[in-house]
Amino acid sequence: MTPYLVLIGGGIFAAALFIGGIVAIIASLRSKNKAEESGGWPAVVGVITNAIIKKNVSSDSDGYTRTTYAPQIEYQYSVASQEFIGNRITFGMTKTYGSKKKAEEAMASYPINARVNVFYDPQNPSDAVLDRKAGGFMAGIIGGVVLILISVCVVCPILGGYAVNAFQ
């Protein structure tokens, strides 16, 4: 019975890694496509209404603690006399920094009450961005490929061991 539990558990683990890799790649490609699509979007002038740096502390099972900082902004803009509030700087992943100072440097472009160009989807004006690029595109692609490769590395020994045991 134990070989079957290893096969099932390993298979579930490998499948989760594989699916995670596929999702990461698809999300990255969608962000890249959206960034390219936004090249034709019109721009309006908006105003930064809120700008903070979010601190995130995470710990692993060994007790190692990692702190990251992510700029978060909010801006207000108007399209056809309708007010909108946006919070997306780029498409894709939010960039995080290992030091508060670097996050503050990134936020320097977005002080409260600053006037900024807001690019919006003319078909859906609530869909807006300040910088028409895909944040974290390569990280998402590389991460997805790594997850898929790890899943293959998990599956191969399990299947090999199962095959050897099955033919004995």
Protein backbone atom coordinates (compact mmCIF):
# COMPACT_ATOMS: atom_id res chain seq x y z
CA MET A 1 0.00 0.00 0.00
CA THR A 2 2.86 2.44 0.75
CA PRO A 3 4.12 2.62 -2.87
CA TYR A 4 0.65 3.71 -3.92
CA LEU A 5 0.59 6.45 -1.27
CA VAL A 6 3.96 7.72 -2.51
CA LEU A 7 2.70 7.59 -6.07
CA ILE A 8 -0.52 9.42 -5.24
CA GLY A 9 1.10 12.00 -2.93
CA GLY A 10 3.98 12.63 -5.30
CA GLY A 11 1.59 12.83 -8.22
CA ILE A 12 -0.58 15.39 -6.46
CA PHE A 13 2.49 17.44 -5.50
CA ALA A 14 3.88 17.28 -9.05
CA ALA A 15 0.49 18.16 -10.55
CA ALA A 16 0.19 21.19 -8.24
CA LEU A 17 3.67 22.38 -9.27
CA PHE A 18 2.90 21.81 -12.94
CA ILE A 19 -0.43 23.66 -12.76
CA GLY A 20 1.20 26.50 -10.80
CA GLY A 21 3.84 26.79 -13.52
CA ILE A 22 1.23 26.91 -16.26
CA VAL A 23 -0.79 29.53 -14.36
CA ALA A 24 2.33 31.69 -13.82
CA ILE A 25 3.22 31.56 -17.51
CA ILE A 26 -0.34 32.31 -18.65
CA ALA A 27 -0.67 35.22 -16.19
CA SER A 28 2.64 36.67 -17.38
CA LEU A 29 1.66 36.37 -21.04
CA ARG A 30 -1.74 37.95 -20.35
CA SER A 31 -0.04 40.87 -18.57
CA LYS A 32 2.35 41.31 -21.48
CA ASN A 33 -0.55 41.25 -23.97
CA LYS A 34 -2.49 43.76 -21.88
CA ALA A 35 0.57 46.04 -21.74
CA GLU A 36 0.93 45.88 -25.53
CA GLU A 37 -2.80 46.44 -26.00
CA SER A 38 -2.66 49.53 -23.76
CA GLY A 39 -0.26 51.20 -26.20
CA GLY A 40 -3.33 52.48 -28.03
CA TRP A 41 -5.22 53.61 -24.93
CA PRO A 42 -5.93 57.30 -24.45
CA ALA A 43 -4.52 59.20 -21.48
CA VAL A 44 -6.08 61.65 -19.06
CA VAL A 45 -4.50 63.60 -16.25
CA GLY A 46 -5.14 62.10 -12.84
CA VAL A 47 -4.10 62.97 -9.31
CA ILE A 48 -2.33 60.76 -6.76
CA THR A 49 -4.66 60.62 -3.74
CA ASN A 50 -2.85 58.07 -1.58
CA ALA A 51 0.67 56.67 -1.52
CA ILE A 52 1.95 54.20 1.06
CA ILE A 53 4.60 51.54 1.34
CA LYS A 54 3.21 48.23 2.52
CA LYS A 55 5.58 46.20 4.68
CA ASN A 56 5.33 42.42 4.40
CA VAL A 57 7.13 40.13 6.85
CA SER A 58 7.28 36.41 6.13
CA SER A 59 9.02 33.57 7.94
CA ASP A 60 9.98 30.11 6.77
CA SER A 61 9.99 26.88 8.76
CA ASP A 62 13.63 27.48 9.80
CA GLY A 63 12.72 30.79 11.41
CA TYR A 64 14.33 32.90 8.70
CA THR A 65 12.42 36.17 8.41
CA ARG A 66 12.25 38.19 5.22
CA THR A 67 10.84 41.68 4.98
CA THR A 68 9.75 43.22 1.69
CA TYR A 69 8.24 46.59 0.85
CA ALA A 70 5.67 47.26 -1.88
CA PRO A 71 4.64 50.70 -3.08
CA GLN A 72 0.89 51.11 -3.19
CA ILE A 73 -0.78 54.13 -4.68
CA GLU A 74 -4.25 55.31 -5.43
CA TYR A 75 -5.15 57.87 -8.06
CA GLN A 76 -8.29 59.59 -9.18
CA TYR A 77 -9.12 60.41 -12.78
CA SER A 78 -12.11 61.45 -14.84
CA VAL A 79 -13.37 60.12 -18.17
CA ALA A 80 -16.43 61.68 -19.83
CA SER A 81 -17.33 63.45 -16.57
CA GLN A 82 -17.30 60.19 -14.63
CA GLU A 83 -14.86 59.84 -11.72
CA PHE A 84 -12.72 56.73 -11.31
CA ILE A 85 -10.22 55.53 -8.73
CA GLY A 86 -7.29 53.37 -9.81
CA ASN A 87 -4.45 51.67 -7.99
CA ARG A 88 -2.47 49.88 -10.67
CA ILE A 89 0.97 51.18 -11.54
CA THR A 90 1.82 48.47 -14.12
CA PHE A 91 0.19 45.32 -15.41
CA GLY A 92 1.16 42.04 -13.78
CA MET A 93 2.96 41.57 -10.52
CA THR A 94 3.45 44.37 -8.04
CA LYS A 95 7.13 45.14 -7.66
CA THR A 96 8.49 44.59 -4.18
CA TYR A 97 11.77 45.76 -2.70
CA GLY A 98 14.09 44.30 -0.11
CA SER A 99 14.69 47.66 1.52
CA LYS A 100 12.35 50.43 2.54
CA LYS A 101 14.73 52.99 1.02
CA LYS A 102 14.43 51.44 -2.47
CA ALA A 103 10.65 51.35 -2.16
CA GLU A 104 10.67 55.01 -1.15
CA GLU A 105 12.82 55.83 -4.18
CA ALA A 106 10.28 54.08 -6.41
CA MET A 107 7.46 56.00 -4.73
CA ALA A 108 9.22 59.34 -5.32
CA SER A 109 7.52 59.53 -8.73
CA TYR A 110 4.09 59.39 -7.09
CA PRO A 111 3.82 61.96 -4.28
CA ILE A 112 0.33 62.76 -3.00
CA ASN A 113 -1.42 65.43 -5.11
CA ALA A 114 0.98 64.89 -8.02
CA ARG A 115 -0.57 65.05 -11.46
CA VAL A 116 0.05 61.89 -13.50
CA ASN A 117 -0.92 60.51 -16.88
CA VAL A 118 -3.49 57.76 -16.49
CA PHE A 119 -3.93 55.40 -19.43
CA TYR A 120 -7.38 53.84 -19.58
CA ASP A 121 -9.20 51.27 -21.67
CA PRO A 122 -11.74 53.22 -23.76
CA GLN A 123 -14.07 50.19 -23.68
CA ASN A 124 -13.81 50.00 -19.87
CA PRO A 125 -12.54 53.28 -18.37
CA SER A 126 -12.24 51.74 -14.90
CA ASP A 127 -9.38 49.61 -16.28
CA ALA A 128 -6.42 51.96 -15.98
CA VAL A 129 -2.68 52.00 -15.44
CA LEU A 130 0.06 54.57 -14.96
CA ASP A 131 2.90 52.75 -16.70
CA ARG A 132 2.03 50.66 -19.76
CA LYS A 133 4.37 47.75 -19.12
CA ALA A 134 4.09 44.24 -17.71
CA GLY A 135 5.69 44.20 -14.28
CA GLY A 136 7.44 40.96 -13.44
CA PHE A 137 6.97 39.46 -16.90
CA MET A 138 10.28 37.61 -17.06
CA ALA A 139 10.08 36.57 -13.40
CA GLY A 140 6.67 35.02 -14.08
CA ILE A 141 7.88 33.15 -17.17
CA ILE A 142 11.06 31.92 -15.49
CA GLY A 143 9.19 30.98 -12.31
CA GLY A 144 6.59 29.07 -14.32
CA VAL A 145 9.22 27.15 -16.27
CA VAL A 146 11.07 26.32 -13.05
CA LEU A 147 7.88 24.98 -11.45
CA ILE A 148 7.19 22.82 -14.51
CA LEU A 149 10.75 21.47 -14.48
CA ILE A 150 10.54 20.68 -10.78
CA SER A 151 7.26 18.85 -11.37
CA VAL A 152 8.95 16.73 -14.05
CA CYS A 153 11.86 16.04 -11.69
CA VAL A 154 9.38 14.87 -9.04
CA VAL A 155 7.36 12.70 -11.41
CA CYS A 156 10.24 10.91 -13.15
CA PRO A 157 11.69 9.17 -10.07
CA ILE A 158 8.22 8.29 -8.80
CA LEU A 159 7.20 6.75 -12.11
CA GLY A 160 10.58 5.08 -12.50
CA GLY A 161 10.33 3.55 -9.04
CA TYR A 162 6.76 2.49 -9.68
CA ALA A 163 7.70 0.90 -12.99
CA VAL A 164 10.60 -1.02 -11.45
CA ASN A 165 8.36 -2.32 -8.64
CA ALA A 166 5.52 -3.15 -11.01
CA PHE A 167 7.68 -5.43 -13.17
CA GLN A 168 9.33 -7.37 -10.33
